[in-house]
Amino acid sequence: MTTATPTGARNATASISELTECSGLELVAGLADGSIRPPSMAETIPFTLLPPEEGRVGLRATPELRFCNLTNTVHGGWIMTMLDTAMALAAQTTLLPGEVCPSHETSVKFVRPISIGSGEMHVIGHVVSRGRTVITLEGRIEDAEGRLHAHGTSTCLIVRRRS
């Protein structure tokens, strides 16, 4: 994950105990501005996290040759991971300090192939509904011209982190 605009709000080496005092929106904003170190998964599948809004997250990601399958199109696992990431981060932006939201279910529909020549993809996740225990989300992957390549839905459970 790369940063959009550094603000220096938090130290990139913030401890987990410090992060439990953050709201979900503060946490995602810290990931976006680079003040909070991203999880190691962001090194495996790189993307840029844009500044979030409550209930909405945008990512920018350019597929790499290493993510292609035998037909030289981007593997569905990359597509599903990008959608799951955007939707989960959108859910995170609605959380209070001490809450976590593990994914419960994610479903993806592939509309058109993504190839290396597709260029930078725009991945959007947004909250459809946030209840007391479940967050319902939608996500989209579009190219620079706004053509839909994949879309999905997800639910995340809201649970209190154990002390």
Protein backbone atom coordinates (compact mmCIF):
# COMPACT_ATOMS: atom_id res chain seq x y z
CA MET A 1 0.00 0.00 0.00
CA THR A 2 1.28 3.44 -0.76
CA THR A 3 0.19 6.70 0.70
CA ALA A 4 -1.99 9.41 -0.82
CA THR A 5 -1.01 12.52 1.19
CA PRO A 6 1.10 12.24 4.33
CA THR A 7 -0.11 14.31 7.26
CA GLY A 8 2.07 12.93 10.02
CA ALA A 9 -0.93 12.41 12.33
CA ARG A 10 0.50 9.25 13.93
CA ASN A 11 3.80 7.49 14.19
CA ALA A 12 4.11 4.68 11.61
CA THR A 13 5.27 2.42 14.44
CA ALA A 14 2.12 2.89 16.54
CA SER A 15 1.55 -0.06 18.84
CA ILE A 16 -1.57 -2.20 18.70
CA SER A 17 -2.60 -0.92 22.14
CA GLU A 18 -2.47 2.67 20.83
CA LEU A 19 -4.55 1.72 17.82
CA THR A 20 -7.33 0.27 19.97
CA GLU A 21 -8.04 3.82 21.11
CA CYS A 22 -8.65 4.98 17.51
CA SER A 23 -12.00 5.08 15.79
CA GLY A 24 -12.18 3.03 12.62
CA LEU A 25 -12.13 6.18 10.50
CA GLU A 26 -8.99 7.42 12.30
CA LEU A 27 -7.31 4.06 11.72
CA VAL A 28 -8.13 3.96 7.98
CA ALA A 29 -7.13 7.62 7.57
CA GLY A 30 -3.79 6.79 9.26
CA LEU A 31 -3.25 3.93 6.83
CA ALA A 32 -4.04 6.25 3.91
CA ASP A 33 -1.69 9.03 4.99
CA GLY A 34 1.11 6.62 5.91
CA SER A 35 1.20 7.42 9.60
CA ILE A 36 0.14 3.87 10.51
CA ARG A 37 2.09 0.94 9.11
CA PRO A 38 -0.11 -1.21 6.83
CA PRO A 39 -0.49 -4.95 7.38
CA SER A 40 1.96 -7.19 5.51
CA MET A 41 -0.77 -8.25 3.06
CA ALA A 42 -0.42 -4.80 1.45
CA GLU A 43 3.13 -5.78 0.46
CA THR A 44 1.86 -8.90 -1.30
CA ILE A 45 -0.82 -7.13 -3.34
CA PRO A 46 0.11 -3.44 -3.63
CA PHE A 47 -2.45 -0.65 -3.88
CA THR A 48 -2.89 3.00 -2.99
CA LEU A 49 -5.45 3.78 -0.31
CA LEU A 50 -7.07 7.17 -0.88
CA PRO A 51 -8.23 9.40 2.00
CA PRO A 52 -11.40 7.75 3.35
CA GLU A 53 -14.80 9.14 4.25
CA GLU A 54 -17.03 7.52 6.81
CA GLY A 55 -18.60 4.53 5.06
CA ARG A 56 -16.61 4.93 1.83
CA VAL A 57 -13.11 3.94 0.70
CA GLY A 58 -11.30 4.18 -2.62
CA LEU A 59 -8.24 2.27 -3.77
CA ARG A 60 -6.08 2.57 -6.86
CA ALA A 61 -4.33 -0.56 -8.07
CA THR A 62 -2.49 -1.47 -11.24
CA PRO A 63 -2.45 -5.20 -11.98
CA GLU A 64 0.99 -6.69 -12.49
CA LEU A 65 2.09 -9.56 -14.73
CA ARG A 66 2.65 -11.74 -11.64
CA PHE A 67 -1.13 -11.66 -11.00
CA CYS A 68 -2.07 -13.05 -14.43
CA ASN A 69 -3.41 -16.53 -15.07
CA LEU A 70 -2.70 -18.83 -18.04
CA THR A 71 -4.90 -16.77 -20.39
CA ASN A 72 -2.86 -13.63 -19.56
CA THR A 73 -5.77 -11.97 -17.78
CA VAL A 74 -5.70 -10.93 -14.15
CA HIS A 75 -6.54 -13.81 -11.81
CA GLY A 76 -9.90 -13.66 -10.05
CA GLY A 77 -8.13 -13.91 -6.70
CA TRP A 78 -6.57 -10.48 -7.26
CA ILE A 79 -9.97 -9.06 -8.18
CA MET A 80 -11.67 -10.62 -5.15
CA THR A 81 -8.89 -9.45 -2.83
CA MET A 82 -9.15 -5.86 -4.08
CA LEU A 83 -12.93 -5.84 -3.59
CA ASP A 84 -12.74 -7.51 -0.18
CA THR A 85 -10.10 -5.01 0.93
CA ALA A 86 -12.07 -1.95 -0.19
CA MET A 87 -15.31 -3.19 1.37
CA ALA A 88 -13.66 -4.22 4.65
CA LEU A 89 -11.91 -0.86 4.95
CA ALA A 90 -15.20 0.94 4.25
CA ALA A 91 -16.77 -1.08 7.08
CA GLN A 92 -13.82 -0.23 9.33
CA THR A 93 -14.49 3.51 8.90
CA THR A 94 -17.79 3.12 10.79
CA LEU A 95 -16.34 1.47 13.90
CA LEU A 96 -15.98 2.90 17.38
CA PRO A 97 -12.74 2.46 19.34
CA GLY A 98 -12.48 -1.14 20.52
CA GLU A 99 -14.64 -2.60 17.75
CA VAL A 100 -13.43 -4.89 14.96
CA CYS A 101 -15.31 -6.13 11.90
CA PRO A 102 -14.19 -9.48 10.48
CA SER A 103 -15.61 -10.38 7.09
CA HIS A 104 -18.56 -12.75 7.33
CA GLU A 105 -19.30 -13.28 3.65
CA THR A 106 -18.13 -11.83 0.33
CA SER A 107 -19.54 -12.44 -3.15
CA VAL A 108 -18.02 -11.22 -6.42
CA LYS A 109 -19.35 -11.05 -9.98
CA PHE A 110 -16.92 -10.72 -12.88
CA VAL A 111 -18.23 -8.46 -15.65
CA ARG A 112 -15.26 -8.10 -18.03
CA PRO A 113 -11.67 -9.33 -17.93
CA ILE A 114 -8.85 -7.23 -16.55
CA SER A 115 -5.54 -7.45 -18.40
CA ILE A 116 -2.15 -5.88 -17.91
CA GLY A 117 -3.14 -3.37 -20.58
CA SER A 118 -6.21 -2.33 -18.58
CA GLY A 119 -4.09 0.13 -16.61
CA GLU A 120 -4.88 1.53 -13.19
CA MET A 121 -8.10 0.19 -11.69
CA HIS A 122 -10.34 2.17 -9.35
CA VAL A 123 -11.74 0.08 -6.50
CA ILE A 124 -14.57 1.53 -4.43
CA GLY A 125 -16.13 0.10 -1.29
CA HIS A 126 -19.11 1.65 0.48
CA VAL A 127 -21.43 0.84 3.33
CA VAL A 128 -25.02 0.10 2.35
CA SER A 129 -26.25 -0.48 5.90
CA ARG A 130 -24.69 -0.50 9.35
CA GLY A 131 -26.64 -2.17 12.09
CA ARG A 132 -25.68 -3.02 15.65
CA THR A 133 -23.96 -6.29 14.71
CA VAL A 134 -23.72 -6.44 10.88
CA ILE A 135 -22.39 -4.09 8.21
CA THR A 136 -23.59 -4.64 4.62
CA LEU A 137 -21.33 -3.38 1.82
CA GLU A 138 -20.99 -3.03 -1.92
CA GLY A 139 -17.85 -2.72 -4.03
CA ARG A 140 -16.87 -2.00 -7.63
CA ILE A 141 -13.77 -2.22 -9.79
CA GLU A 142 -13.74 0.20 -12.71
CA ASP A 143 -11.10 1.20 -15.23
CA ALA A 144 -10.02 4.80 -15.88
CA GLU A 145 -12.92 5.24 -18.31
CA GLY A 146 -15.44 4.14 -15.68
CA ARG A 147 -16.17 0.73 -17.26
CA LEU A 148 -17.24 -1.85 -14.69
CA HIS A 149 -15.00 -4.94 -14.52
CA ALA A 150 -16.28 -6.56 -11.31
CA HIS A 151 -18.64 -5.83 -8.44
CA GLY A 152 -19.40 -7.48 -5.15
CA THR A 153 -21.21 -7.47 -1.87
CA SER A 154 -20.03 -8.29 1.61
CA THR A 155 -21.14 -8.47 5.19
CA CYS A 156 -18.90 -7.85 8.18
CA LEU A 157 -19.70 -8.65 11.79
CA ILE A 158 -19.24 -6.00 14.47
CA VAL A 159 -17.56 -7.36 17.59
CA ARG A 160 -15.88 -5.76 20.60
CA ARG A 161 -12.15 -6.43 20.80
CA ARG A 162 -11.20 -8.48 23.84
CA SER A 163 -8.94 -6.73 26.33
